[in-house]
């Protein structure tokens, strides 16, 4: 009996131990599953939150992309809008010129022109013109883009007319050697300005004036017409390209010699500091004489076509 009872007790305790072990294992397993489920739930919530943020970001990005696409289309249209506005301006300028020519108004027209640039002080000339709200004409030649690129760009963006003044401006032993030599230099400058600024020049000033071409003048003019160019000389000048004078003398060379002309084409050079000093008084003096200011353009009555 003792031996049997002992076996029963052992069996009983073994059963208790196994049951307890099973309970412990199940408890650990349940605890693990609960913890794991909690972690998965938290990860799921975090994933859902992250997904929601991503979706909001995508929606915001799509909206921004839409705005950018619209902005890009608007920017693409700006050159056409600017060109249309510029054309309207010249249409009105042409009407004004005809009124002046026909004596339908007491107004007179002055075209301020600056040759040979750009130069180091061209920006200061632009400041003066901007202050007075005047559009002028810059007859430019080929200059180092690394040094003067921003000045070329400012002249163009300010709305001034950019004219062709040949690339080299080499008068002696250069552009006037032959018709071909002159035209090659003109085309070289036209290409330079177009490649840098996207502007095709159609108004030209002969370096030194058209008379400097001598016996080649008429043949050059014919070739210029074939290339779509009009040309212009001047009937007023500060004389800053010939004489070293004071600002007051440059001013008087313009204001005292207008002769009441209906159309005044004023020659200046944007390298001269005394002309720069005289420019405000030249502008104000011409205004007091009844002049309004226009830039030159291909259809202008002041140019030769």
C-alpha atoms as a PDB file:
ATOM      1  CA  UNK A   1       0.000   0.000   0.000  1.00  0.00           C
ATOM      2  CA  UNK A   2       2.766   2.373   0.937  1.00  0.00           C
ATOM      3  CA  UNK A   3       4.429   1.907  -2.334  1.00  0.00           C
ATOM      4  CA  UNK A   4       1.158   2.428  -4.213  1.00  0.00           C
ATOM      5  CA  UNK A   5       0.290   5.539  -2.233  1.00  0.00           C
ATOM      6  CA  UNK A   6       3.715   6.894  -2.919  1.00  0.00           C
ATOM      7  CA  UNK A   7       3.226   6.406  -6.615  1.00  0.00           C
ATOM      8  CA  UNK A   8      -0.154   8.098  -6.490  1.00  0.00           C
ATOM      9  CA  UNK A   9       1.349  11.069  -4.683  1.00  0.00           C
ATOM     10  CA  UNK A  10       4.183  11.278  -7.178  1.00  0.00           C
ATOM     11  CA  UNK A  11       1.730  11.065 -10.029  1.00  0.00           C
ATOM     12  CA  UNK A  12      -0.423  13.673  -8.360  1.00  0.00           C
ATOM     13  CA  UNK A  13       2.485  16.083  -7.894  1.00  0.00           C
ATOM     14  CA  UNK A  14       3.747  15.403 -11.357  1.00  0.00           C
ATOM     15  CA  UNK A  15       0.313  16.224 -12.700  1.00  0.00           C
ATOM     16  CA  UNK A  16       0.226  19.407 -10.628  1.00  0.00           C
ATOM     17  CA  UNK A  17       3.698  20.380 -11.871  1.00  0.00           C
ATOM     18  CA  UNK A  18       2.824  19.686 -15.475  1.00  0.00           C
ATOM     19  CA  UNK A  19      -0.420  21.593 -15.117  1.00  0.00           C
ATOM     20  CA  UNK A  20       1.381  24.520 -13.495  1.00  0.00           C
ATOM     21  CA  UNK A  21       4.066  24.425 -16.171  1.00  0.00           C
ATOM     22  CA  UNK A  22       1.388  24.393 -18.844  1.00  0.00           C
ATOM     23  CA  UNK A  23      -0.371  27.322 -17.178  1.00  0.00           C
ATOM     24  CA  UNK A  24       2.906  29.223 -16.949  1.00  0.00           C
ATOM     25  CA  UNK A  25       3.674  28.519 -20.623  1.00  0.00           C
ATOM     26  CA  UNK A  26       0.185  29.541 -21.660  1.00  0.00           C
ATOM     27  CA  UNK A  27       0.453  32.679 -19.507  1.00  0.00           C
ATOM     28  CA  UNK A  28       3.800  33.567 -21.043  1.00  0.00           C
ATOM     29  CA  UNK A  29       2.418  32.859 -24.464  1.00  0.00           C
ATOM     30  CA  UNK A  30      -0.657  34.958 -23.819  1.00  0.00           C
ATOM     31  CA  UNK A  31       1.446  37.771 -22.419  1.00  0.00           C
ATOM     32  CA  UNK A  32       3.728  37.579 -25.460  1.00  0.00           C
ATOM     33  CA  UNK A  33       0.758  37.619 -27.834  1.00  0.00           C
ATOM     34  CA  UNK A  34      -0.838  40.503 -25.975  1.00  0.00           C
ATOM     35  CA  UNK A  35       2.406  42.465 -26.082  1.00  0.00           C
ATOM     36  CA  UNK A  36       2.955  41.535 -29.705  1.00  0.00           C
ATOM     37  CA  UNK A  37      -0.618  42.540 -30.578  1.00  0.00           C
ATOM     38  CA  UNK A  38      -0.147  45.808 -28.744  1.00  0.00           C
ATOM     39  CA  UNK A  39       3.085  46.484 -30.637  1.00  0.00           C
ATOM     40  CA  UNK A  40       1.459  45.559 -33.943  1.00  0.00           C
ATOM     41  CA  UNK A  41      -1.495  47.804 -33.095  1.00  0.00           C
ATOM     42  CA  UNK A  42       0.831  50.685 -32.296  1.00  0.00           C
ATOM     43  CA  UNK A  43       2.814  50.059 -35.483  1.00  0.00           C
ATOM     44  CA  UNK A  44      -0.415  49.879 -37.442  1.00  0.00           C
ATOM     45  CA  UNK A  45      -1.582  53.172 -35.966  1.00  0.00           C
ATOM     46  CA  UNK A  46       1.802  54.731 -36.704  1.00  0.00           C
ATOM     47  CA  UNK A  47       1.685  53.350 -40.250  1.00  0.00           C
ATOM     48  CA  UNK A  48      -1.821  54.685 -40.728  1.00  0.00           C
ATOM     49  CA  UNK A  49      -0.739  58.099 -39.435  1.00  0.00           C
ATOM     50  CA  UNK A  50       2.326  58.045 -41.677  1.00  0.00           C
ATOM     51  CA  UNK A  51       0.191  56.961 -44.617  1.00  0.00           C
ATOM     52  CA  UNK A  52      -2.236  59.806 -43.931  1.00  0.00           C
ATOM     53  CA  UNK A  53       0.658  62.269 -43.820  1.00  0.00           C
ATOM     54  CA  UNK A  54       2.048  60.882 -47.072  1.00  0.00           C
ATOM     55  CA  UNK A  55      -1.356  61.166 -48.707  1.00  0.00           C
ATOM     56  CA  UNK A  56      -1.687  64.761 -47.515  1.00  0.00           C
ATOM     57  CA  UNK A  57       1.830  65.491 -48.754  1.00  0.00           C
ATOM     58  CA  UNK A  58       1.014  63.918 -52.112  1.00  0.00           C
ATOM     59  CA  UNK A  59      -2.155  65.985 -52.369  1.00  0.00           C
ATOM     60  CA  UNK A  60      -0.205  69.109 -51.443  1.00  0.00           C
ATOM     61  CA  UNK A  61       2.542  68.209 -53.934  1.00  0.00           C
ATOM     62  CA  UNK A  62      -0.022  67.619 -56.673  1.00  0.00           C
ATOM     63  CA  UNK A  63      -1.595  70.984 -55.949  1.00  0.00           C
ATOM     64  CA  UNK A  64       1.834  72.637 -55.978  1.00  0.00           C
ATOM     65  CA  UNK A  65       2.725  70.898 -59.221  1.00  0.00           C
ATOM     66  CA  UNK A  66      -0.497  72.222 -60.687  1.00  0.00           C
ATOM     67  CA  UNK A  67       0.400  75.732 -59.546  1.00  0.00           C
ATOM     68  CA  UNK A  68       3.904  75.388 -60.969  1.00  0.00           C
ATOM     69  CA  UNK A  69       2.593  74.099 -64.282  1.00  0.00           C
ATOM     70  CA  UNK A  70       0.262  77.095 -64.467  1.00  0.00           C
ATOM     71  CA  UNK A  71       3.109  79.440 -63.533  1.00  0.00           C
ATOM     72  CA  UNK A  72       5.356  77.858 -66.166  1.00  0.00           C
ATOM     73  CA  UNK A  73       2.700  78.336 -68.824  1.00  0.00           C
ATOM     74  CA  UNK A  74       2.289  81.947 -67.739  1.00  0.00           C
ATOM     75  CA  UNK A  75       6.052  82.520 -67.895  1.00  0.00           C
ATOM     76  CA  UNK A  76       6.204  80.925 -71.336  1.00  0.00           C
ATOM     77  CA  UNK A  77       3.651  83.463 -72.465  1.00  0.00           C
ATOM     78  CA  UNK A  78       5.533  86.486 -71.102  1.00  0.00           C
ATOM     79  CA  UNK A  79       7.834  87.000 -74.118  1.00  0.00           C
ATOM     80  CA  UNK A  80       4.823  87.076 -76.437  1.00  0.00           C
ATOM     81  CA  UNK A  81       2.989  89.438 -74.103  1.00  0.00           C
ATOM     82  CA  UNK A  82       6.047  91.690 -73.843  1.00  0.00           C
ATOM     83  CA  UNK A  83       6.521  91.685 -77.603  1.00  0.00           C
ATOM     84  CA  UNK A  84       2.839  92.487 -78.117  1.00  0.00           C
ATOM     85  CA  UNK A  85       3.083  95.378 -75.642  1.00  0.00           C
ATOM     86  CA  UNK A  86       6.254  96.613 -77.327  1.00  0.00           C
ATOM     87  CA  UNK A  87       4.575  96.482 -80.716  1.00  0.00           C
ATOM     88  CA  UNK A  88       1.603  98.461 -79.397  1.00  0.00           C
ATOM     89  CA  UNK A  89       4.049 101.047 -78.060  1.00  0.00           C
ATOM     90  CA  UNK A  90       5.731 101.455 -81.442  1.00  0.00           C
ATOM     91  CA  UNK A  91       2.373 101.591 -83.200  1.00  0.00           C
ATOM     92  CA  UNK A  92       1.456 104.548 -80.997  1.00  0.00           C
ATOM     93  CA  UNK A  93       4.919 106.072 -81.476  1.00  0.00           C
ATOM     94  CA  UNK A  94       4.469 105.855 -85.238  1.00  0.00           C
ATOM     95  CA  UNK A  95       1.132 107.675 -84.975  1.00  0.00           C
ATOM     96  CA  UNK A  96       2.753 110.395 -82.857  1.00  0.00           C
ATOM     97  CA  UNK A  97       5.547 110.817 -85.398  1.00  0.00           C
ATOM     98  CA  UNK A  98       2.994 111.256 -88.176  1.00  0.00           C
ATOM     99  CA  UNK A  99       1.126 113.865 -86.123  1.00  0.00           C
ATOM    100  CA  UNK A 100       4.381 115.765 -85.518  1.00  0.00           C
ATOM    101  CA  UNK A 101       5.328 115.491 -89.181  1.00  0.00           C
ATOM    102  CA  UNK A 102       1.912 116.754 -90.313  1.00  0.00           C
ATOM    103  CA  UNK A 103       1.848 119.635 -87.830  1.00  0.00           C
ATOM    104  CA  UNK A 104      -1.118 118.208 -85.938  1.00  0.00           C
ATOM    105  CA  UNK A 105       0.579 118.833 -82.579  1.00  0.00           C
ATOM    106  CA  UNK A 106       3.004 121.324 -81.095  1.00  0.00           C
ATOM    107  CA  UNK A 107       5.061 118.480 -79.672  1.00  0.00           C
ATOM    108  CA  UNK A 108       8.481 117.633 -81.062  1.00  0.00           C
ATOM    109  CA  UNK A 109      10.390 114.372 -80.721  1.00  0.00           C
ATOM    110  CA  UNK A 110      13.921 113.804 -79.432  1.00  0.00           C
ATOM    111  CA  UNK A 111      15.712 110.482 -79.785  1.00  0.00           C
ATOM    112  CA  UNK A 112      18.562 110.117 -77.289  1.00  0.00           C
ATOM    113  CA  UNK A 113      21.169 107.770 -78.736  1.00  0.00           C
ATOM    114  CA  UNK A 114      24.323 106.359 -77.159  1.00  0.00           C
ATOM    115  CA  UNK A 115      27.103 104.830 -79.261  1.00  0.00           C
ATOM    116  CA  UNK A 116      29.934 102.334 -78.783  1.00  0.00           C
ATOM    117  CA  UNK A 117      28.924 100.731 -75.470  1.00  0.00           C
ATOM    118  CA  UNK A 118      28.388  99.194 -73.153  1.00  0.00           C
ATOM    119  CA  UNK A 119      30.991 100.707 -70.834  1.00  0.00           C
ATOM    120  CA  UNK A 120      31.731 100.762 -67.121  1.00  0.00           C
ATOM    121  CA  UNK A 121      29.436 103.750 -66.534  1.00  0.00           C
ATOM    122  CA  UNK A 122      26.601 102.688 -68.852  1.00  0.00           C
ATOM    123  CA  UNK A 123      24.656 101.543 -65.790  1.00  0.00           C
ATOM    124  CA  UNK A 124      24.761 105.122 -64.469  1.00  0.00           C
ATOM    125  CA  UNK A 125      23.300 106.364 -67.753  1.00  0.00           C
ATOM    126  CA  UNK A 126      20.532 103.802 -67.322  1.00  0.00           C
ATOM    127  CA  UNK A 127      19.876 105.108 -63.807  1.00  0.00           C
ATOM    128  CA  UNK A 128      19.336 108.642 -65.161  1.00  0.00           C
ATOM    129  CA  UNK A 129      17.058 107.461 -67.976  1.00  0.00           C
ATOM    130  CA  UNK A 130      15.073 105.364 -65.508  1.00  0.00           C
ATOM    131  CA  UNK A 131      14.705 108.335 -63.160  1.00  0.00           C
ATOM    132  CA  UNK A 132      13.153 110.412 -65.968  1.00  0.00           C
ATOM    133  CA  UNK A 133      11.163 107.520 -67.425  1.00  0.00           C
ATOM    134  CA  UNK A 134      12.856 107.782 -70.823  1.00  0.00           C
ATOM    135  CA  UNK A 135      13.474 105.062 -73.397  1.00  0.00           C
ATOM    136  CA  UNK A 136      16.563 105.675 -75.518  1.00  0.00           C
ATOM    137  CA  UNK A 137      18.574 103.877 -78.200  1.00  0.00           C
ATOM    138  CA  UNK A 138      21.905 102.169 -77.591  1.00  0.00           C
ATOM    139  CA  UNK A 139      24.005 101.403 -80.650  1.00  0.00           C
ATOM    140  CA  UNK A 140      26.145  98.617 -79.273  1.00  0.00           C
ATOM    141  CA  UNK A 141      29.181  96.784 -80.534  1.00  0.00           C
ATOM    142  CA  UNK A 142      30.696  93.472 -79.503  1.00  0.00           C
ATOM    143  CA  UNK A 143      32.123  93.715 -75.995  1.00  0.00           C
ATOM    144  CA  UNK A 144      33.364  91.125 -73.508  1.00  0.00           C
ATOM    145  CA  UNK A 145      30.280  89.345 -72.168  1.00  0.00           C
ATOM    146  CA  UNK A 146      32.001  88.330 -68.944  1.00  0.00           C
ATOM    147  CA  UNK A 147      32.581  91.990 -68.113  1.00  0.00           C
ATOM    148  CA  UNK A 148      29.511  93.638 -69.628  1.00  0.00           C
ATOM    149  CA  UNK A 149      26.923  90.876 -69.868  1.00  0.00           C
ATOM    150  CA  UNK A 150      24.736  92.209 -67.067  1.00  0.00           C
ATOM    151  CA  UNK A 151      24.794  95.669 -68.625  1.00  0.00           C
ATOM    152  CA  UNK A 152      23.699  94.305 -72.012  1.00  0.00           C
ATOM    153  CA  UNK A 153      20.875  92.496 -70.223  1.00  0.00           C
ATOM    154  CA  UNK A 154      19.775  95.573 -68.257  1.00  0.00           C
ATOM    155  CA  UNK A 155      19.655  97.729 -71.396  1.00  0.00           C
ATOM    156  CA  UNK A 156      17.452  95.130 -73.079  1.00  0.00           C
ATOM    157  CA  UNK A 157      15.172  94.521 -70.081  1.00  0.00           C
ATOM    158  CA  UNK A 158      14.706  98.259 -69.547  1.00  0.00           C
ATOM    159  CA  UNK A 159      12.997  98.464 -72.944  1.00  0.00           C
ATOM    160  CA  UNK A 160      15.585 100.574 -74.738  1.00  0.00           C
ATOM    161  CA  UNK A 161      16.171  99.947 -78.426  1.00  0.00           C
ATOM    162  CA  UNK A 162      19.397  98.077 -79.116  1.00  0.00           C
ATOM    163  CA  UNK A 163      20.928  99.025 -82.443  1.00  0.00           C
ATOM    164  CA  UNK A 164      23.787  97.470 -84.389  1.00  0.00           C
ATOM    165  CA  UNK A 165      27.042  99.454 -84.425  1.00  0.00           C
ATOM    166  CA  UNK A 166      29.145  96.677 -86.008  1.00  0.00           C
ATOM    167  CA  UNK A 167      31.043  94.195 -83.872  1.00  0.00           C
ATOM    168  CA  UNK A 168      34.529  95.697 -83.954  1.00  0.00           C
ATOM    169  CA  UNK A 169      33.873  99.392 -84.703  1.00  0.00           C
ATOM    170  CA  UNK A 170      37.294  99.324 -86.367  1.00  0.00           C
ATOM    171  CA  UNK A 171      37.106 102.298 -88.722  1.00  0.00           C
ATOM    172  CA  UNK A 172      40.700 102.570 -89.869  1.00  0.00           C
ATOM    173  CA  UNK A 173      41.903  99.619 -91.907  1.00  0.00           C
ATOM    174  CA  UNK A 174      38.922  97.535 -90.817  1.00  0.00           C
ATOM    175  CA  UNK A 175      35.218  97.614 -91.635  1.00  0.00           C
ATOM    176  CA  UNK A 176      35.494 100.144 -94.482  1.00  0.00           C
ATOM    177  CA  UNK A 177      38.023  98.107 -96.476  1.00  0.00           C
ATOM    178  CA  UNK A 178      35.183  96.668 -98.545  1.00  0.00           C
ATOM    179  CA  UNK A 179      31.441  96.148 -98.596  1.00  0.00           C
ATOM    180  CA  UNK A 180      31.976  92.531 -97.572  1.00  0.00           C
ATOM    181  CA  UNK A 181      34.224  93.496 -94.650  1.00  0.00           C
ATOM    182  CA  UNK A 182      31.570  95.888 -93.375  1.00  0.00           C
ATOM    183  CA  UNK A 183      28.698  93.430 -93.757  1.00  0.00           C
ATOM    184  CA  UNK A 184      30.671  90.603 -92.120  1.00  0.00           C
ATOM    185  CA  UNK A 185      31.151  92.788 -89.059  1.00  0.00           C
ATOM    186  CA  UNK A 186      27.482  93.770 -89.032  1.00  0.00           C
ATOM    187  CA  UNK A 187      26.326  90.145 -89.241  1.00  0.00           C
ATOM    188  CA  UNK A 188      28.820  89.116 -86.567  1.00  0.00           C
ATOM    189  CA  UNK A 189      27.353  91.706 -84.185  1.00  0.00           C
ATOM    190  CA  UNK A 190      23.781  90.813 -85.083  1.00  0.00           C
ATOM    191  CA  UNK A 191      24.541  87.167 -84.283  1.00  0.00           C
ATOM    192  CA  UNK A 192      26.283  88.099 -81.030  1.00  0.00           C
ATOM    193  CA  UNK A 193      23.358  90.208 -79.799  1.00  0.00           C
ATOM    194  CA  UNK A 194      20.797  87.610 -80.824  1.00  0.00           C
ATOM    195  CA  UNK A 195      22.639  84.723 -79.166  1.00  0.00           C
ATOM    196  CA  UNK A 196      23.128  86.665 -75.931  1.00  0.00           C
ATOM    197  CA  UNK A 197      19.832  88.543 -75.695  1.00  0.00           C
ATOM    198  CA  UNK A 198      17.418  86.930 -78.136  1.00  0.00           C
ATOM    199  CA  UNK A 199      17.033  90.292 -79.921  1.00  0.00           C
ATOM    200  CA  UNK A 200      17.335  90.688 -83.675  1.00  0.00           C
ATOM    201  CA  UNK A 201      18.620  94.175 -84.432  1.00  0.00           C
ATOM    202  CA  UNK A 202      17.098  96.022 -87.392  1.00  0.00           C
ATOM    203  CA  UNK A 203      18.392  99.590 -86.900  1.00  0.00           C
ATOM    204  CA  UNK A 204      22.054 100.383 -87.526  1.00  0.00           C
ATOM    205  CA  UNK A 205      24.405 103.306 -87.143  1.00  0.00           C
ATOM    206  CA  UNK A 206      27.565 103.455 -89.207  1.00  0.00           C
ATOM    207  CA  UNK A 207      30.642 103.925 -87.009  1.00  0.00           C
ATOM    208  CA  UNK A 208      31.618 107.520 -87.675  1.00  0.00           C
ATOM    209  CA  UNK A 209      28.351 108.094 -89.541  1.00  0.00           C
ATOM    210  CA  UNK A 210      27.331 106.906 -92.992  1.00  0.00           C
ATOM    211  CA  UNK A 211      29.603 109.462 -94.661  1.00  0.00           C
ATOM    212  CA  UNK A 212      32.626 107.584 -93.280  1.00  0.00           C
ATOM    213  CA  UNK A 213      31.869 104.756 -95.736  1.00  0.00           C
ATOM    214  CA  UNK A 214      32.851 107.062 -98.596  1.00  0.00           C
ATOM    215  CA  UNK A 215      32.409 105.535-102.035  1.00  0.00           C
ATOM    216  CA  UNK A 216      31.177 102.272-100.439  1.00  0.00           C
ATOM    217  CA  UNK A 217      28.188 103.935 -98.815  1.00  0.00           C
ATOM    218  CA  UNK A 218      25.493 103.226-101.387  1.00  0.00           C
ATOM    219  CA  UNK A 219      26.569  99.624-101.950  1.00  0.00           C
ATOM    220  CA  UNK A 220      26.620  99.021 -98.189  1.00  0.00           C
ATOM    221  CA  UNK A 221      23.156 100.542 -97.836  1.00  0.00           C
ATOM    222  CA  UNK A 222      21.828  98.168-100.492  1.00  0.00           C
ATOM    223  CA  UNK A 223      23.295  95.193 -98.633  1.00  0.00           C
ATOM    224  CA  UNK A 224      21.904  96.453 -95.334  1.00  0.00           C
ATOM    225  CA  UNK A 225      18.420  96.621 -96.852  1.00  0.00           C
ATOM    226  CA  UNK A 226      18.745  93.024 -98.001  1.00  0.00           C
ATOM    227  CA  UNK A 227      19.502  92.065 -94.389  1.00  0.00           C
ATOM    228  CA  UNK A 228      16.451  93.949 -93.106  1.00  0.00           C
ATOM    229  CA  UNK A 229      18.288  96.976 -91.713  1.00  0.00           C
ATOM    230  CA  UNK A 230      17.389 100.636 -91.585  1.00  0.00           C
ATOM    231  CA  UNK A 231      20.145 103.076 -90.657  1.00  0.00           C
ATOM    232  CA  UNK A 232      20.264 106.416 -88.875  1.00  0.00           C
ATOM    233  CA  UNK A 233      22.743 109.258 -88.527  1.00  0.00           C
ATOM    234  CA  UNK A 234      22.156 112.277 -86.225  1.00  0.00           C
ATOM    235  CA  UNK A 235      21.375 115.976 -86.385  1.00  0.00           C
ATOM    236  CA  UNK A 236      22.416 116.899 -82.849  1.00  0.00           C
ATOM    237  CA  UNK A 237      25.428 115.941 -80.746  1.00  0.00           C
ATOM    238  CA  UNK A 238      27.179 116.747 -77.507  1.00  0.00           C
ATOM    239  CA  UNK A 239      30.423 116.363 -79.491  1.00  0.00           C
ATOM    240  CA  UNK A 240      31.769 114.108 -76.751  1.00  0.00           C
ATOM    241  CA  UNK A 241      33.225 111.747 -79.345  1.00  0.00           C
ATOM    242  CA  UNK A 242      35.443 114.497 -80.764  1.00  0.00           C
ATOM    243  CA  UNK A 243      36.251 117.006 -78.036  1.00  0.00           C
ATOM    244  CA  UNK A 244      37.070 116.852 -74.350  1.00  0.00           C
ATOM    245  CA  UNK A 245      34.675 119.493 -73.032  1.00  0.00           C
ATOM    246  CA  UNK A 246      32.945 120.330 -69.782  1.00  0.00           C
ATOM    247  CA  UNK A 247      29.493 119.022 -68.872  1.00  0.00           C
ATOM    248  CA  UNK A 248      28.082 122.516 -69.415  1.00  0.00           C
ATOM    249  CA  UNK A 249      29.577 122.716 -72.915  1.00  0.00           C
ATOM    250  CA  UNK A 250      28.173 119.316 -73.840  1.00  0.00           C
ATOM    251  CA  UNK A 251      24.776 120.430 -72.540  1.00  0.00           C
ATOM    252  CA  UNK A 252      24.854 123.672 -74.539  1.00  0.00           C
ATOM    253  CA  UNK A 253      25.943 121.884 -77.709  1.00  0.00           C
ATOM    254  CA  UNK A 254      22.561 120.174 -77.628  1.00  0.00           C
ATOM    255  CA  UNK A 255      20.201 122.734 -76.105  1.00  0.00           C
ATOM    256  CA  UNK A 256      21.501 125.791 -77.992  1.00  0.00           C
ATOM    257  CA  UNK A 257      21.431 124.093 -81.386  1.00  0.00           C
ATOM    258  CA  UNK A 258      18.076 122.339 -81.639  1.00  0.00           C
ATOM    259  CA  UNK A 259      16.903 124.853 -84.236  1.00  0.00           C
ATOM    260  CA  UNK A 260      13.324 123.977 -83.407  1.00  0.00           C
ATOM    261  CA  UNK A 261      13.616 120.746 -85.391  1.00  0.00           C
ATOM    262  CA  UNK A 262      10.584 118.495 -85.223  1.00  0.00           C
ATOM    263  CA  UNK A 263      12.794 115.409 -84.999  1.00  0.00           C
ATOM    264  CA  UNK A 264      16.029 115.621 -83.056  1.00  0.00           C
ATOM    265  CA  UNK A 265      18.432 112.656 -83.083  1.00  0.00           C
ATOM    266  CA  UNK A 266      21.020 113.336 -80.377  1.00  0.00           C
ATOM    267  CA  UNK A 267      24.385 111.571 -80.568  1.00  0.00           C
ATOM    268  CA  UNK A 268      26.170 110.806 -77.294  1.00  0.00           C
ATOM    269  CA  UNK A 269      28.626 108.187 -76.021  1.00  0.00           C
ATOM    270  CA  UNK A 270      28.032 106.262 -72.820  1.00  0.00           C
ATOM    271  CA  UNK A 271      31.722 106.255 -71.896  1.00  0.00           C
ATOM    272  CA  UNK A 272      31.888 110.003 -71.215  1.00  0.00           C
ATOM    273  CA  UNK A 273      31.498 111.115 -67.608  1.00  0.00           C
ATOM    274  CA  UNK A 274      30.858 114.753 -68.454  1.00  0.00           C
ATOM    275  CA  UNK A 275      28.043 113.766 -70.804  1.00  0.00           C
ATOM    276  CA  UNK A 276      26.641 111.717 -67.924  1.00  0.00           C
ATOM    277  CA  UNK A 277      26.748 114.828 -65.729  1.00  0.00           C
ATOM    278  CA  UNK A 278      25.071 116.873 -68.453  1.00  0.00           C
ATOM    279  CA  UNK A 279      22.353 114.318 -69.237  1.00  0.00           C
ATOM    280  CA  UNK A 280      19.763 115.443 -66.627  1.00  0.00           C
ATOM    281  CA  UNK A 281      19.996 119.061 -67.815  1.00  0.00           C
ATOM    282  CA  UNK A 282      19.848 117.961 -71.460  1.00  0.00           C
ATOM    283  CA  UNK A 283      16.649 116.026 -70.724  1.00  0.00           C
ATOM    284  CA  UNK A 284      15.041 118.830 -68.740  1.00  0.00           C
ATOM    285  CA  UNK A 285      16.148 121.454 -71.275  1.00  0.00           C
ATOM    286  CA  UNK A 286      14.698 119.535 -74.218  1.00  0.00           C
ATOM    287  CA  UNK A 287      11.452 118.986 -72.323  1.00  0.00           C
ATOM    288  CA  UNK A 288      11.211 122.745 -71.732  1.00  0.00           C
ATOM    289  CA  UNK A 289      11.557 123.218 -75.513  1.00  0.00           C
ATOM    290  CA  UNK A 290       8.561 120.965 -76.130  1.00  0.00           C
ATOM    291  CA  UNK A 291      10.309 117.705 -76.885  1.00  0.00           C
ATOM    292  CA  UNK A 292       9.096 114.264 -75.890  1.00  0.00           C
ATOM    293  CA  UNK A 293      11.430 111.274 -75.978  1.00  0.00           C
ATOM    294  CA  UNK A 294      11.149 108.102 -78.028  1.00  0.00           C
ATOM    295  CA  UNK A 295      13.483 105.222 -78.783  1.00  0.00           C
ATOM    296  CA  UNK A 296      14.252 104.606 -82.448  1.00  0.00           C
ATOM    297  CA  UNK A 297      12.528 101.765 -84.272  1.00  0.00           C
ATOM    298  CA  UNK A 298      12.576 100.355 -87.789  1.00  0.00           C
ATOM    299  CA  UNK A 299       9.408 102.148 -88.960  1.00  0.00           C
ATOM    300  CA  UNK A 300      10.436 105.472 -87.421  1.00  0.00           C
ATOM    301  CA  UNK A 301      10.399 108.532 -89.668  1.00  0.00           C
ATOM    302  CA  UNK A 302      13.845 109.380 -88.240  1.00  0.00           C
ATOM    303  CA  UNK A 303      15.569 106.383 -89.831  1.00  0.00           C
ATOM    304  CA  UNK A 304      16.521 105.648 -93.426  1.00  0.00           C
ATOM    305  CA  UNK A 305      15.040 102.494 -94.915  1.00  0.00           C
END
